[in-house]
């Protein structure tokens, strides 16, 4: 009960005013809590290690809370980082904020593209890129290949007989992979067509007819698994005299 009486005495005696600095809860190790308009100077005597001091002068959030990292004989009050607890919870996470947003932001999983666009990691990686805008050719240029593992999935949202072109940033970023094609005239038992990339191919063209993109839902995915190119896979619908969607167009 003695400790409770001492606590009550400290609280009752605490001069809640605007003096420079006051201490509360005096223990054998020193004062545990303090408040005032002026943070105790370094080397002040009497503050317990770990003591908290609240600066009540209207300071910003980042500088109103201090902790004694010194000793009772020589205090050293440092501004307490309110993000310490958050940082402890996030210990071990190496992803950046933008990377976390790309992976978890459900509101931005689908990105619609109706005009010629330079594809970027920040805006398009890991998303479903819905291609629309019939009536004119649309060119989508991939970012430079780095081997970082980014994925870019293009889906036909509107058949465009003027063509969707998906191209590498430079001619040395080559495409490697396979696209499966089915004809609009195929029956359920007809064999699919397999289109393999050529040695120098850096472009995929879906012209809405012969080279694919003849149906909504056709898709092509590019995966950045090499510093000198892209792995490609996809499924497309073709009409007329079918032809490969792969070509070499980038200098």
C-alpha atoms as a PDB file:
ATOM      1  CA  UNK A   1       0.000   0.000   0.000  1.00  0.00           C
ATOM      2  CA  UNK A   2       2.942   2.274   0.616  1.00  0.00           C
ATOM      3  CA  UNK A   3       3.754   2.398  -3.075  1.00  0.00           C
ATOM      4  CA  UNK A   4       0.170   3.258  -3.908  1.00  0.00           C
ATOM      5  CA  UNK A   5       0.247   6.122  -1.407  1.00  0.00           C
ATOM      6  CA  UNK A   6       3.495   7.383  -2.949  1.00  0.00           C
ATOM      7  CA  UNK A   7       1.970   7.197  -6.416  1.00  0.00           C
ATOM      8  CA  UNK A   8      -1.085   9.117  -5.294  1.00  0.00           C
ATOM      9  CA  UNK A   9       1.151  11.689  -3.602  1.00  0.00           C
ATOM     10  CA  UNK A  10       3.208  12.153  -6.775  1.00  0.00           C
ATOM     11  CA  UNK A  11       0.076  12.646  -8.862  1.00  0.00           C
ATOM     12  CA  UNK A  12      -1.518  15.018  -6.383  1.00  0.00           C
ATOM     13  CA  UNK A  13       1.668  17.017  -6.017  1.00  0.00           C
ATOM     14  CA  UNK A  14       2.420  17.210  -9.710  1.00  0.00           C
ATOM     15  CA  UNK A  15       2.297  20.893 -10.694  1.00  0.00           C
ATOM     16  CA  UNK A  16       0.400  20.743 -13.973  1.00  0.00           C
ATOM     17  CA  UNK A  17       1.418  24.099 -15.351  1.00  0.00           C
ATOM     18  CA  UNK A  18       3.710  25.477 -18.030  1.00  0.00           C
ATOM     19  CA  UNK A  19       6.960  25.368 -16.048  1.00  0.00           C
ATOM     20  CA  UNK A  20      10.084  24.312 -17.903  1.00  0.00           C
ATOM     21  CA  UNK A  21      10.225  20.690 -16.675  1.00  0.00           C
ATOM     22  CA  UNK A  22       8.597  18.594 -13.941  1.00  0.00           C
ATOM     23  CA  UNK A  23       9.194  15.003 -12.917  1.00  0.00           C
ATOM     24  CA  UNK A  24       6.680  12.351 -11.828  1.00  0.00           C
ATOM     25  CA  UNK A  25       7.062   8.948 -10.157  1.00  0.00           C
ATOM     26  CA  UNK A  26      10.363   9.283  -8.337  1.00  0.00           C
ATOM     27  CA  UNK A  27      11.929   5.830  -7.961  1.00  0.00           C
ATOM     28  CA  UNK A  28      15.312   4.623  -6.674  1.00  0.00           C
ATOM     29  CA  UNK A  29      16.447   4.783 -10.314  1.00  0.00           C
ATOM     30  CA  UNK A  30      15.202   8.365 -10.747  1.00  0.00           C
ATOM     31  CA  UNK A  31      12.194  10.151 -12.212  1.00  0.00           C
ATOM     32  CA  UNK A  32      10.225   7.927 -14.621  1.00  0.00           C
ATOM     33  CA  UNK A  33       8.042  10.490 -16.372  1.00  0.00           C
ATOM     34  CA  UNK A  34       8.459  14.181 -17.014  1.00  0.00           C
ATOM     35  CA  UNK A  35       6.716  16.986 -18.809  1.00  0.00           C
ATOM     36  CA  UNK A  36       7.276  20.629 -19.542  1.00  0.00           C
ATOM     37  CA  UNK A  37       8.108  23.165 -22.193  1.00  0.00           C
ATOM     38  CA  UNK A  38      11.843  22.425 -22.200  1.00  0.00           C
ATOM     39  CA  UNK A  39      13.460  19.028 -22.625  1.00  0.00           C
ATOM     40  CA  UNK A  40      16.030  18.364 -19.850  1.00  0.00           C
ATOM     41  CA  UNK A  41      19.517  19.237 -21.010  1.00  0.00           C
ATOM     42  CA  UNK A  42      22.070  16.501 -21.615  1.00  0.00           C
ATOM     43  CA  UNK A  43      23.914  15.452 -18.442  1.00  0.00           C
ATOM     44  CA  UNK A  44      20.965  16.420 -16.238  1.00  0.00           C
ATOM     45  CA  UNK A  45      20.869  14.428 -13.004  1.00  0.00           C
ATOM     46  CA  UNK A  46      17.962  12.447 -11.553  1.00  0.00           C
ATOM     47  CA  UNK A  47      16.168  10.955 -14.559  1.00  0.00           C
ATOM     48  CA  UNK A  48      15.829   7.164 -14.682  1.00  0.00           C
ATOM     49  CA  UNK A  49      17.233   5.342 -17.712  1.00  0.00           C
ATOM     50  CA  UNK A  50      14.311   4.962 -20.137  1.00  0.00           C
ATOM     51  CA  UNK A  51      12.369   7.829 -18.566  1.00  0.00           C
ATOM     52  CA  UNK A  52       9.829   9.504 -20.825  1.00  0.00           C
ATOM     53  CA  UNK A  53       9.514  13.253 -21.217  1.00  0.00           C
ATOM     54  CA  UNK A  54       6.546  14.962 -22.871  1.00  0.00           C
ATOM     55  CA  UNK A  55       7.276  18.378 -24.309  1.00  0.00           C
ATOM     56  CA  UNK A  56       4.106  20.443 -23.943  1.00  0.00           C
ATOM     57  CA  UNK A  57       4.887  23.448 -26.059  1.00  0.00           C
ATOM     58  CA  UNK A  58       2.804  22.559 -29.108  1.00  0.00           C
ATOM     59  CA  UNK A  59       5.681  20.869 -30.923  1.00  0.00           C
ATOM     60  CA  UNK A  60       5.028  18.650 -33.905  1.00  0.00           C
ATOM     61  CA  UNK A  61       4.158  15.016 -33.359  1.00  0.00           C
ATOM     62  CA  UNK A  62       7.667  13.903 -34.246  1.00  0.00           C
ATOM     63  CA  UNK A  63       9.275  15.917 -31.401  1.00  0.00           C
ATOM     64  CA  UNK A  64       6.892  15.944 -28.443  1.00  0.00           C
ATOM     65  CA  UNK A  65       7.954  12.591 -26.966  1.00  0.00           C
ATOM     66  CA  UNK A  66      11.472  11.972 -25.671  1.00  0.00           C
ATOM     67  CA  UNK A  67      13.199   9.038 -23.996  1.00  0.00           C
ATOM     68  CA  UNK A  68      16.273   9.070 -21.742  1.00  0.00           C
ATOM     69  CA  UNK A  69      18.940   6.923 -23.366  1.00  0.00           C
ATOM     70  CA  UNK A  70      21.474   8.061 -20.766  1.00  0.00           C
ATOM     71  CA  UNK A  71      21.818   7.331 -17.073  1.00  0.00           C
ATOM     72  CA  UNK A  72      20.503   8.788 -13.842  1.00  0.00           C
ATOM     73  CA  UNK A  73      23.785  10.597 -13.326  1.00  0.00           C
ATOM     74  CA  UNK A  74      23.911  11.924 -16.889  1.00  0.00           C
ATOM     75  CA  UNK A  75      20.652  11.957 -18.862  1.00  0.00           C
ATOM     76  CA  UNK A  76      20.418  12.121 -22.633  1.00  0.00           C
ATOM     77  CA  UNK A  77      16.869  12.648 -23.938  1.00  0.00           C
ATOM     78  CA  UNK A  78      16.401  11.738 -27.590  1.00  0.00           C
ATOM     79  CA  UNK A  79      13.265  12.362 -29.624  1.00  0.00           C
ATOM     80  CA  UNK A  80      11.330   9.112 -29.709  1.00  0.00           C
ATOM     81  CA  UNK A  81      10.638   7.783 -33.224  1.00  0.00           C
ATOM     82  CA  UNK A  82       6.947   6.949 -33.302  1.00  0.00           C
ATOM     83  CA  UNK A  83       7.682   4.581 -36.188  1.00  0.00           C
ATOM     84  CA  UNK A  84       9.843   2.288 -34.032  1.00  0.00           C
ATOM     85  CA  UNK A  85       6.918   0.012 -33.195  1.00  0.00           C
ATOM     86  CA  UNK A  86       5.842  -0.062 -36.835  1.00  0.00           C
ATOM     87  CA  UNK A  87       9.369  -0.825 -37.946  1.00  0.00           C
ATOM     88  CA  UNK A  88       9.541  -3.717 -35.495  1.00  0.00           C
ATOM     89  CA  UNK A  89       6.362  -5.189 -36.949  1.00  0.00           C
ATOM     90  CA  UNK A  90       7.771  -4.885 -40.467  1.00  0.00           C
ATOM     91  CA  UNK A  91      11.177  -6.326 -39.593  1.00  0.00           C
ATOM     92  CA  UNK A  92      12.381  -8.599 -42.383  1.00  0.00           C
ATOM     93  CA  UNK A  93      10.236  -7.045 -45.129  1.00  0.00           C
ATOM     94  CA  UNK A  94      12.426  -5.986 -48.034  1.00  0.00           C
ATOM     95  CA  UNK A  95       9.706  -4.881 -50.465  1.00  0.00           C
ATOM     96  CA  UNK A  96       9.233  -1.193 -51.150  1.00  0.00           C
ATOM     97  CA  UNK A  97       5.896   0.537 -50.658  1.00  0.00           C
ATOM     98  CA  UNK A  98       5.308   0.634 -54.425  1.00  0.00           C
ATOM     99  CA  UNK A  99       6.060  -3.096 -54.693  1.00  0.00           C
ATOM    100  CA  UNK A 100       3.608  -3.883 -51.904  1.00  0.00           C
ATOM    101  CA  UNK A 101       0.953  -1.726 -53.552  1.00  0.00           C
ATOM    102  CA  UNK A 102       1.453  -3.449 -56.906  1.00  0.00           C
ATOM    103  CA  UNK A 103       1.010  -6.860 -55.311  1.00  0.00           C
ATOM    104  CA  UNK A 104      -1.900  -6.094 -52.977  1.00  0.00           C
ATOM    105  CA  UNK A 105      -3.893  -3.150 -54.330  1.00  0.00           C
ATOM    106  CA  UNK A 106      -7.107  -4.882 -55.419  1.00  0.00           C
ATOM    107  CA  UNK A 107      -8.528  -1.652 -56.843  1.00  0.00           C
ATOM    108  CA  UNK A 108      -5.883  -1.543 -59.585  1.00  0.00           C
ATOM    109  CA  UNK A 109      -5.636  -5.149 -60.778  1.00  0.00           C
ATOM    110  CA  UNK A 110      -6.985  -4.265 -64.228  1.00  0.00           C
ATOM    111  CA  UNK A 111      -5.463  -1.430 -66.260  1.00  0.00           C
ATOM    112  CA  UNK A 112      -7.315  -0.396 -69.387  1.00  0.00           C
ATOM    113  CA  UNK A 113      -5.271   0.819 -72.361  1.00  0.00           C
ATOM    114  CA  UNK A 114      -7.030   2.395 -75.339  1.00  0.00           C
ATOM    115  CA  UNK A 115      -4.086   4.342 -76.778  1.00  0.00           C
ATOM    116  CA  UNK A 116      -0.471   3.670 -77.684  1.00  0.00           C
ATOM    117  CA  UNK A 117       1.388   3.393 -74.362  1.00  0.00           C
ATOM    118  CA  UNK A 118       4.865   2.862 -72.972  1.00  0.00           C
ATOM    119  CA  UNK A 119       4.472   0.078 -70.427  1.00  0.00           C
ATOM    120  CA  UNK A 120       6.074   0.697 -67.024  1.00  0.00           C
ATOM    121  CA  UNK A 121       6.773  -1.458 -64.012  1.00  0.00           C
ATOM    122  CA  UNK A 122       5.063   0.980 -61.650  1.00  0.00           C
ATOM    123  CA  UNK A 123       1.779   1.149 -63.560  1.00  0.00           C
ATOM    124  CA  UNK A 124       1.480  -2.235 -65.259  1.00  0.00           C
ATOM    125  CA  UNK A 125       3.631  -4.980 -63.714  1.00  0.00           C
ATOM    126  CA  UNK A 126       1.552  -7.784 -62.210  1.00  0.00           C
ATOM    127  CA  UNK A 127      -1.675  -6.311 -63.620  1.00  0.00           C
ATOM    128  CA  UNK A 128      -4.100  -7.416 -66.293  1.00  0.00           C
ATOM    129  CA  UNK A 129      -3.654  -4.963 -69.152  1.00  0.00           C
ATOM    130  CA  UNK A 130      -6.970  -4.743 -70.998  1.00  0.00           C
ATOM    131  CA  UNK A 131      -6.442  -3.629 -74.603  1.00  0.00           C
ATOM    132  CA  UNK A 132      -9.270  -1.628 -76.204  1.00  0.00           C
ATOM    133  CA  UNK A 133      -9.665   1.106 -78.787  1.00  0.00           C
ATOM    134  CA  UNK A 134     -10.703  -0.378 -82.127  1.00  0.00           C
ATOM    135  CA  UNK A 135     -10.274   1.822 -85.194  1.00  0.00           C
ATOM    136  CA  UNK A 136      -6.549   2.443 -85.052  1.00  0.00           C
ATOM    137  CA  UNK A 137      -3.321   0.581 -84.418  1.00  0.00           C
ATOM    138  CA  UNK A 138      -2.200   0.520 -80.782  1.00  0.00           C
ATOM    139  CA  UNK A 139       1.466  -0.048 -79.887  1.00  0.00           C
ATOM    140  CA  UNK A 140       2.518  -1.086 -76.390  1.00  0.00           C
ATOM    141  CA  UNK A 141       6.249  -0.925 -75.699  1.00  0.00           C
ATOM    142  CA  UNK A 142       7.574  -3.093 -72.894  1.00  0.00           C
ATOM    143  CA  UNK A 143      10.128  -1.737 -70.419  1.00  0.00           C
ATOM    144  CA  UNK A 144      13.747  -2.818 -70.872  1.00  0.00           C
ATOM    145  CA  UNK A 145      14.321  -6.414 -69.830  1.00  0.00           C
ATOM    146  CA  UNK A 146      16.341  -6.764 -66.622  1.00  0.00           C
ATOM    147  CA  UNK A 147      15.735 -10.326 -65.451  1.00  0.00           C
ATOM    148  CA  UNK A 148      13.867  -9.048 -62.361  1.00  0.00           C
ATOM    149  CA  UNK A 149      10.888 -11.373 -62.857  1.00  0.00           C
ATOM    150  CA  UNK A 150       8.183  -8.856 -63.740  1.00  0.00           C
ATOM    151  CA  UNK A 151       5.053 -10.128 -65.489  1.00  0.00           C
ATOM    152  CA  UNK A 152       2.885  -8.228 -67.958  1.00  0.00           C
ATOM    153  CA  UNK A 153      -0.373  -9.837 -69.092  1.00  0.00           C
ATOM    154  CA  UNK A 154      -2.173  -8.351 -72.106  1.00  0.00           C
ATOM    155  CA  UNK A 155      -5.812  -9.292 -72.734  1.00  0.00           C
ATOM    156  CA  UNK A 156      -7.956  -8.368 -75.730  1.00  0.00           C
ATOM    157  CA  UNK A 157     -10.890  -6.350 -74.410  1.00  0.00           C
ATOM    158  CA  UNK A 158     -12.045  -5.239 -77.857  1.00  0.00           C
ATOM    159  CA  UNK A 159     -11.256  -6.814 -81.220  1.00  0.00           C
ATOM    160  CA  UNK A 160      -9.120  -4.378 -83.201  1.00  0.00           C
ATOM    161  CA  UNK A 161      -8.523  -5.196 -86.865  1.00  0.00           C
ATOM    162  CA  UNK A 162      -6.093  -2.294 -87.059  1.00  0.00           C
ATOM    163  CA  UNK A 163      -3.862  -4.265 -84.718  1.00  0.00           C
ATOM    164  CA  UNK A 164      -2.363  -4.400 -81.238  1.00  0.00           C
ATOM    165  CA  UNK A 165       1.443  -4.444 -81.344  1.00  0.00           C
ATOM    166  CA  UNK A 166       3.440  -5.409 -78.253  1.00  0.00           C
ATOM    167  CA  UNK A 167       7.120  -4.627 -78.723  1.00  0.00           C
ATOM    168  CA  UNK A 168      10.428  -4.819 -76.901  1.00  0.00           C
ATOM    169  CA  UNK A 169      12.107  -1.588 -75.843  1.00  0.00           C
ATOM    170  CA  UNK A 170      15.214  -2.424 -77.876  1.00  0.00           C
ATOM    171  CA  UNK A 171      16.010  -4.924 -80.593  1.00  0.00           C
ATOM    172  CA  UNK A 172      18.319  -6.907 -78.306  1.00  0.00           C
ATOM    173  CA  UNK A 173      15.449  -7.724 -75.912  1.00  0.00           C
ATOM    174  CA  UNK A 174      14.373 -10.855 -77.749  1.00  0.00           C
ATOM    175  CA  UNK A 175      11.192 -12.891 -77.302  1.00  0.00           C
ATOM    176  CA  UNK A 176      11.410 -16.568 -76.435  1.00  0.00           C
ATOM    177  CA  UNK A 177       8.336 -18.737 -76.158  1.00  0.00           C
ATOM    178  CA  UNK A 178       5.193 -20.174 -77.654  1.00  0.00           C
ATOM    179  CA  UNK A 179       1.693 -18.952 -78.428  1.00  0.00           C
ATOM    180  CA  UNK A 180      -1.204 -21.355 -78.959  1.00  0.00           C
ATOM    181  CA  UNK A 181      -3.723 -20.386 -81.647  1.00  0.00           C
ATOM    182  CA  UNK A 182      -7.197 -21.601 -82.507  1.00  0.00           C
ATOM    183  CA  UNK A 183      -9.131 -20.669 -85.652  1.00  0.00           C
ATOM    184  CA  UNK A 184     -12.612 -19.186 -85.613  1.00  0.00           C
ATOM    185  CA  UNK A 185     -13.580 -21.987 -87.989  1.00  0.00           C
ATOM    186  CA  UNK A 186     -12.190 -24.791 -85.821  1.00  0.00           C
ATOM    187  CA  UNK A 187     -14.456 -27.434 -84.391  1.00  0.00           C
ATOM    188  CA  UNK A 188     -14.041 -28.707 -80.855  1.00  0.00           C
ATOM    189  CA  UNK A 189     -11.871 -31.568 -82.117  1.00  0.00           C
ATOM    190  CA  UNK A 190      -9.516 -29.608 -84.384  1.00  0.00           C
ATOM    191  CA  UNK A 191      -5.892 -29.387 -83.287  1.00  0.00           C
ATOM    192  CA  UNK A 192      -4.584 -26.070 -82.073  1.00  0.00           C
ATOM    193  CA  UNK A 193      -1.749 -24.268 -83.855  1.00  0.00           C
ATOM    194  CA  UNK A 194       1.575 -23.716 -82.132  1.00  0.00           C
ATOM    195  CA  UNK A 195       3.515 -20.561 -82.965  1.00  0.00           C
ATOM    196  CA  UNK A 196       7.138 -20.487 -81.823  1.00  0.00           C
ATOM    197  CA  UNK A 197       9.246 -17.350 -81.591  1.00  0.00           C
ATOM    198  CA  UNK A 198      12.052 -16.878 -84.104  1.00  0.00           C
ATOM    199  CA  UNK A 199      15.682 -16.254 -83.225  1.00  0.00           C
ATOM    200  CA  UNK A 200      15.401 -12.467 -83.660  1.00  0.00           C
ATOM    201  CA  UNK A 201      11.752 -11.808 -82.836  1.00  0.00           C
ATOM    202  CA  UNK A 202      10.946  -8.832 -80.615  1.00  0.00           C
ATOM    203  CA  UNK A 203       7.309  -8.073 -81.514  1.00  0.00           C
ATOM    204  CA  UNK A 204       3.906  -9.728 -81.140  1.00  0.00           C
ATOM    205  CA  UNK A 205       1.119  -8.482 -83.416  1.00  0.00           C
ATOM    206  CA  UNK A 206      -2.535  -9.268 -82.844  1.00  0.00           C
ATOM    207  CA  UNK A 207      -4.189  -7.915 -85.983  1.00  0.00           C
ATOM    208  CA  UNK A 208      -7.681  -9.037 -85.093  1.00  0.00           C
ATOM    209  CA  UNK A 209      -7.700 -11.665 -87.834  1.00  0.00           C
ATOM    210  CA  UNK A 210      -4.860 -13.839 -89.163  1.00  0.00           C
ATOM    211  CA  UNK A 211      -2.275 -13.290 -86.399  1.00  0.00           C
ATOM    212  CA  UNK A 212      -4.700 -13.425 -83.500  1.00  0.00           C
ATOM    213  CA  UNK A 213      -6.766 -11.155 -81.338  1.00  0.00           C
ATOM    214  CA  UNK A 214      -9.906 -12.169 -83.219  1.00  0.00           C
ATOM    215  CA  UNK A 215     -11.796 -12.783 -79.975  1.00  0.00           C
ATOM    216  CA  UNK A 216     -12.231 -10.959 -76.703  1.00  0.00           C
ATOM    217  CA  UNK A 217     -10.250 -12.773 -74.021  1.00  0.00           C
ATOM    218  CA  UNK A 218      -7.214 -13.623 -76.168  1.00  0.00           C
ATOM    219  CA  UNK A 219      -4.142 -13.086 -74.021  1.00  0.00           C
ATOM    220  CA  UNK A 220      -0.353 -12.815 -74.159  1.00  0.00           C
ATOM    221  CA  UNK A 221       1.923 -12.801 -71.112  1.00  0.00           C
ATOM    222  CA  UNK A 222       5.504 -11.544 -71.001  1.00  0.00           C
ATOM    223  CA  UNK A 223       7.818 -12.540 -68.150  1.00  0.00           C
ATOM    224  CA  UNK A 224      11.084 -10.735 -67.487  1.00  0.00           C
ATOM    225  CA  UNK A 225      13.359 -13.676 -66.674  1.00  0.00           C
ATOM    226  CA  UNK A 226      16.423 -12.590 -68.610  1.00  0.00           C
ATOM    227  CA  UNK A 227      18.443  -9.414 -68.903  1.00  0.00           C
ATOM    228  CA  UNK A 228      18.391  -9.856 -72.683  1.00  0.00           C
ATOM    229  CA  UNK A 229      14.812 -10.812 -73.392  1.00  0.00           C
ATOM    230  CA  UNK A 230      11.314 -11.905 -72.473  1.00  0.00           C
ATOM    231  CA  UNK A 231       9.671 -15.302 -72.028  1.00  0.00           C
ATOM    232  CA  UNK A 232       6.342 -15.284 -73.894  1.00  0.00           C
ATOM    233  CA  UNK A 233       3.230 -17.448 -73.711  1.00  0.00           C
ATOM    234  CA  UNK A 234      -0.380 -16.965 -74.680  1.00  0.00           C
ATOM    235  CA  UNK A 235      -3.576 -18.193 -76.277  1.00  0.00           C
ATOM    236  CA  UNK A 236      -5.145 -16.455 -79.261  1.00  0.00           C
ATOM    237  CA  UNK A 237      -7.999 -16.780 -81.733  1.00  0.00           C
ATOM    238  CA  UNK A 238      -7.218 -16.425 -85.468  1.00  0.00           C
ATOM    239  CA  UNK A 239      -9.282 -16.145 -88.642  1.00  0.00           C
ATOM    240  CA  UNK A 240      -8.577 -16.427 -92.345  1.00  0.00           C
ATOM    241  CA  UNK A 241      -5.163 -17.787 -93.328  1.00  0.00           C
ATOM    242  CA  UNK A 242      -3.481 -18.086 -89.941  1.00  0.00           C
ATOM    243  CA  UNK A 243       0.050 -16.716 -89.503  1.00  0.00           C
ATOM    244  CA  UNK A 244       2.561 -16.345 -86.699  1.00  0.00           C
ATOM    245  CA  UNK A 245       2.043 -13.361 -84.390  1.00  0.00           C
ATOM    246  CA  UNK A 246       5.837 -13.147 -83.837  1.00  0.00           C
ATOM    247  CA  UNK A 247       8.050 -10.835 -85.884  1.00  0.00           C
ATOM    248  CA  UNK A 248      11.247  -8.775 -85.794  1.00  0.00           C
ATOM    249  CA  UNK A 249      10.431  -5.053 -86.045  1.00  0.00           C
ATOM    250  CA  UNK A 250      12.567  -3.275 -83.425  1.00  0.00           C
ATOM    251  CA  UNK A 251      15.920  -1.942 -84.593  1.00  0.00           C
END
